[in-house]
Amino acid sequence: INGRPFLSFQMENWVSQGITDFIFLLHYEAPKIIEFIKQWHALKENRNFTVEFITEEKPLGTGGSIANAVQCLKLSSSFFVTNADTWLDSGFMSLRKSPFPSIAITKVKNASRYGTVITGPDNYVEKFAEKVPDETPGWINAGISHLDPKIFLSWKGQICSLEADYFPKLAMQRNLSSVRLYKNFIDIGIPEDYDRFCKWVQKGQTTIL
């Protein structure tokens, strides 16, 4: 992004929200990412946060990666999970105050490429609707969740998806809360959103600039 790794924007944003302990779940280009984060961490004047890395020999999927980390680190307390390619101004503190397991949701003008999250009046997730071909607004998974390690205790090493395997099951059990966020949201996974974030940075419109 204008000559600067996107992850550096993310790290500054996350640290500004009070996150102090980071665990990066890696596979593709892991050595390059580790080298960058270590250099970035060393340059920060106030290094009051820690970084750890778990590198998978083979991709385990979003669910398998988290389950592997829970078991490797013997996690016993709740934790946050966030996507590294999704920009969201804030949200961690709102999730911290919510019952867990919970996910952040945000409203977008075109939810067709994501699928939508259907919630009830008590803010519990009722179901995840499939993607539709027509452009339509809706609430989507914003890419941040507050999870309980107990969810992953039965994992046996298989490749699995947090979004397709764990979340729908929790929703069926009425055990997945949602928190609505009215924040700037960008998924840089497609060219037009990547370009939009670049323009934000050029104009100084992100909250960290």
Protein backbone atom coordinates (compact mmCIF):
# COMPACT_ATOMS: atom_id res chain seq x y z
CA ILE A 1 0.00 0.00 0.00
CA ASN A 2 1.94 3.03 -1.29
CA GLY A 3 5.22 1.22 -0.66
CA ARG A 4 4.25 -0.05 2.78
CA PRO A 5 3.07 -3.57 3.77
CA PHE A 6 -0.63 -3.72 4.55
CA LEU A 7 0.18 -5.69 7.70
CA SER A 8 1.97 -2.67 9.19
CA PHE A 9 -1.26 -0.67 8.98
CA GLN A 10 -3.09 -3.57 10.60
CA MET A 11 -0.60 -3.92 13.45
CA GLU A 12 -0.73 -0.23 14.31
CA ASN A 13 -4.51 -0.33 14.24
CA TRP A 14 -4.69 -3.41 16.46
CA VAL A 15 -2.16 -2.07 18.97
CA SER A 16 -4.08 1.23 19.14
CA GLN A 17 -7.15 -0.78 20.17
CA GLY A 18 -5.35 -2.25 23.18
CA ILE A 19 -4.24 -5.60 21.80
CA THR A 20 -0.96 -6.59 23.47
CA ASP A 21 -0.32 -10.25 22.58
CA PHE A 22 -0.24 -11.47 18.99
CA ILE A 23 -0.04 -14.99 17.59
CA PHE A 24 0.33 -15.19 13.81
CA LEU A 25 -0.91 -18.38 12.15
CA LEU A 26 1.17 -18.82 9.02
CA HIS A 27 1.92 -21.06 6.06
CA TYR A 28 2.37 -19.32 2.70
CA GLU A 29 5.48 -17.06 2.67
CA ALA A 30 5.82 -17.59 6.43
CA PRO A 31 9.56 -16.73 6.67
CA LYS A 32 9.02 -13.44 4.84
CA ILE A 33 6.13 -12.47 7.13
CA ILE A 34 8.05 -13.42 10.27
CA GLU A 35 11.07 -11.39 9.19
CA PHE A 36 8.92 -8.34 8.49
CA ILE A 37 7.02 -8.49 11.79
CA LYS A 38 10.22 -8.94 13.81
CA GLN A 39 11.80 -5.94 12.09
CA TRP A 40 8.66 -3.85 12.54
CA HIS A 41 8.42 -4.81 16.21
CA ALA A 42 12.07 -3.95 16.83
CA LEU A 43 11.62 -0.47 15.36
CA LYS A 44 8.68 0.50 17.57
CA GLU A 45 9.69 2.81 20.40
CA ASN A 46 7.05 1.48 22.75
CA ARG A 47 7.24 -2.30 22.40
CA ASN A 48 4.67 -3.13 25.06
CA PHE A 49 3.25 -6.02 23.04
CA THR A 50 4.45 -9.52 22.21
CA VAL A 51 4.47 -11.52 18.97
CA GLU A 52 4.54 -15.28 18.45
CA PHE A 53 4.30 -17.42 15.32
CA ILE A 54 2.85 -20.81 14.49
CA THR A 55 3.83 -22.07 11.06
CA GLU A 56 1.81 -24.95 9.60
CA GLU A 57 3.53 -27.59 7.47
CA LYS A 58 0.38 -27.70 5.34
CA PRO A 59 -2.61 -25.34 5.29
CA LEU A 60 -5.19 -26.41 7.87
CA GLY A 61 -8.00 -24.04 6.90
CA THR A 62 -9.26 -21.21 9.07
CA GLY A 63 -10.81 -23.58 11.60
CA GLY A 64 -7.92 -26.02 11.65
CA SER A 65 -5.37 -23.23 12.08
CA ILE A 66 -7.12 -21.90 15.16
CA ALA A 67 -7.73 -25.35 16.63
CA ASN A 68 -4.06 -26.19 16.10
CA ALA A 69 -3.01 -22.99 17.91
CA VAL A 70 -5.39 -23.69 20.80
CA GLN A 71 -3.91 -27.15 21.28
CA CYS A 72 -0.27 -26.17 20.71
CA LEU A 73 -0.45 -23.28 23.17
CA LYS A 74 -2.87 -25.01 25.56
CA LEU A 75 -5.11 -21.96 25.57
CA SER A 76 -7.68 -21.91 28.37
CA SER A 77 -9.12 -18.38 28.22
CA SER A 78 -11.07 -16.60 25.51
CA PHE A 79 -9.21 -14.94 22.66
CA PHE A 80 -9.74 -12.78 19.57
CA VAL A 81 -9.35 -13.95 16.00
CA THR A 82 -9.01 -11.53 13.09
CA ASN A 83 -8.35 -11.77 9.37
CA ALA A 84 -5.10 -10.14 8.27
CA ASP A 85 -6.51 -9.02 4.91
CA THR A 86 -9.62 -7.25 6.22
CA TRP A 87 -9.51 -3.65 7.42
CA LEU A 88 -11.89 -2.60 10.18
CA ASP A 89 -11.38 0.66 12.08
CA SER A 90 -12.18 -0.87 15.46
CA GLY A 91 -14.21 -3.57 17.13
CA PHE A 92 -12.12 -5.49 19.64
CA MET A 93 -13.37 -3.62 22.69
CA SER A 94 -16.99 -4.03 21.62
CA LEU A 95 -16.44 -7.77 21.27
CA ARG A 96 -14.66 -7.95 24.60
CA LYS A 97 -17.83 -6.69 26.31
CA SER A 98 -20.07 -9.19 24.52
CA PRO A 99 -20.92 -12.79 25.47
CA PHE A 100 -18.60 -15.24 23.74
CA PRO A 101 -18.35 -16.96 21.37
CA SER A 102 -19.29 -13.94 19.27
CA ILE A 103 -18.57 -12.40 15.89
CA ALA A 104 -18.53 -8.82 14.68
CA ILE A 105 -20.86 -8.04 11.78
CA THR A 106 -20.96 -4.97 9.57
CA LYS A 107 -23.38 -3.74 6.92
CA VAL A 108 -22.21 -3.39 3.33
CA LYS A 109 -23.94 -2.10 0.22
CA ASN A 110 -23.19 -5.25 -1.75
CA ALA A 111 -23.28 -8.43 0.32
CA SER A 112 -23.52 -10.74 -2.70
CA ARG A 113 -19.87 -11.80 -2.61
CA TYR A 114 -19.91 -12.57 1.11
CA GLY A 115 -23.22 -14.10 2.10
CA THR A 116 -25.17 -12.55 4.95
CA VAL A 117 -25.54 -13.09 8.68
CA ILE A 118 -29.12 -13.39 9.93
CA THR A 119 -29.61 -12.43 13.57
CA GLY A 120 -32.56 -12.46 15.96
CA PRO A 121 -33.81 -9.69 18.27
CA ASP A 122 -31.43 -10.91 20.99
CA ASN A 123 -28.44 -10.46 18.62
CA TYR A 124 -27.75 -14.19 18.50
CA VAL A 125 -26.88 -15.50 15.04
CA GLU A 126 -29.74 -17.53 13.60
CA LYS A 127 -28.11 -18.60 10.35
CA PHE A 128 -25.63 -17.76 7.63
CA ALA A 129 -27.29 -17.14 4.28
CA GLU A 130 -25.56 -18.23 1.07
CA LYS A 131 -24.14 -15.80 -1.47
CA VAL A 132 -26.66 -14.49 -4.00
CA PRO A 133 -25.97 -13.37 -7.60
CA ASP A 134 -27.70 -10.00 -7.29
CA GLU A 135 -26.16 -7.01 -5.55
CA THR A 136 -28.01 -6.39 -2.31
CA PRO A 137 -27.13 -4.74 1.02
CA GLY A 138 -26.79 -6.86 4.12
CA TRP A 139 -24.94 -7.66 7.32
CA ILE A 140 -21.80 -9.75 6.85
CA ASN A 141 -19.12 -11.35 8.99
CA ALA A 142 -16.63 -8.51 9.61
CA GLY A 143 -13.68 -10.84 10.17
CA ILE A 144 -13.26 -10.42 13.94
CA SER A 145 -14.46 -12.94 16.51
CA HIS A 146 -14.20 -13.54 20.26
CA LEU A 147 -13.91 -17.28 20.84
CA ASP A 148 -13.84 -19.91 23.56
CA PRO A 149 -11.03 -22.50 23.28
CA LYS A 150 -13.46 -25.24 24.35
CA ILE A 151 -15.01 -25.03 20.87
CA PHE A 152 -11.88 -26.63 19.41
CA LEU A 153 -11.14 -29.39 21.94
CA SER A 154 -12.50 -32.18 19.71
CA TRP A 155 -10.31 -31.25 16.73
CA LYS A 156 -8.36 -34.24 15.38
CA GLY A 157 -5.98 -32.56 12.97
CA GLN A 158 -8.30 -32.31 9.96
CA ILE A 159 -8.53 -29.38 7.54
CA CYS A 160 -11.65 -27.38 8.40
CA SER A 161 -13.21 -23.95 8.11
CA LEU A 162 -14.13 -21.63 10.96
CA GLU A 163 -16.84 -20.03 8.81
CA ALA A 164 -18.30 -23.19 7.24
CA ASP A 165 -17.79 -25.80 9.96
CA TYR A 166 -17.75 -24.09 13.35
CA PHE A 167 -19.92 -20.97 13.05
CA PRO A 168 -23.02 -22.63 11.50
CA LYS A 169 -22.97 -25.33 14.19
CA LEU A 170 -22.73 -22.71 16.95
CA ALA A 171 -25.60 -20.79 15.34
CA MET A 172 -27.78 -23.93 15.29
CA GLN A 173 -27.07 -24.33 19.00
CA ARG A 174 -27.98 -20.67 19.60
CA ASN A 175 -24.52 -20.22 20.98
CA LEU A 176 -23.06 -17.52 18.71
CA SER A 177 -23.62 -13.88 19.60
CA SER A 178 -23.17 -10.98 17.18
CA VAL A 179 -21.98 -7.41 17.66
CA ARG A 180 -22.95 -4.81 15.06
CA LEU A 181 -20.15 -2.47 14.07
CA TYR A 182 -20.70 0.75 12.14
CA LYS A 183 -17.09 1.16 11.04
CA ASN A 184 -15.02 1.49 7.88
CA PHE A 185 -14.69 -2.00 6.42
CA ILE A 186 -12.52 -3.06 3.48
CA ASP A 187 -11.58 -6.51 2.22
CA ILE A 188 -8.47 -6.00 0.09
CA GLY A 189 -8.93 -9.38 -1.58
CA ILE A 190 -10.31 -7.86 -4.79
CA PRO A 191 -8.70 -5.12 -6.91
CA GLU A 192 -11.38 -2.44 -6.45
CA ASP A 193 -11.24 -2.68 -2.64
CA TYR A 194 -7.45 -2.73 -2.70
CA ASP A 195 -7.51 0.45 -4.80
CA ARG A 196 -10.04 1.98 -2.42
CA PHE A 197 -7.77 1.39 0.57
CA CYS A 198 -4.80 2.89 -1.31
CA LYS A 199 -6.85 6.03 -1.93
CA TRP A 200 -7.85 6.16 1.73
CA VAL A 201 -4.20 6.11 2.75
CA GLN A 202 -3.26 8.76 0.19
CA LYS A 203 -5.97 11.03 1.60
CA GLY A 204 -5.07 10.24 5.21
CA GLN A 205 -8.53 8.82 5.88
CA THR A 206 -7.65 5.75 7.93
CA THR A 207 -7.88 6.23 11.66
CA ILE A 208 -4.14 5.62 12.17
CA LEU A 209 -2.90 8.33 9.83
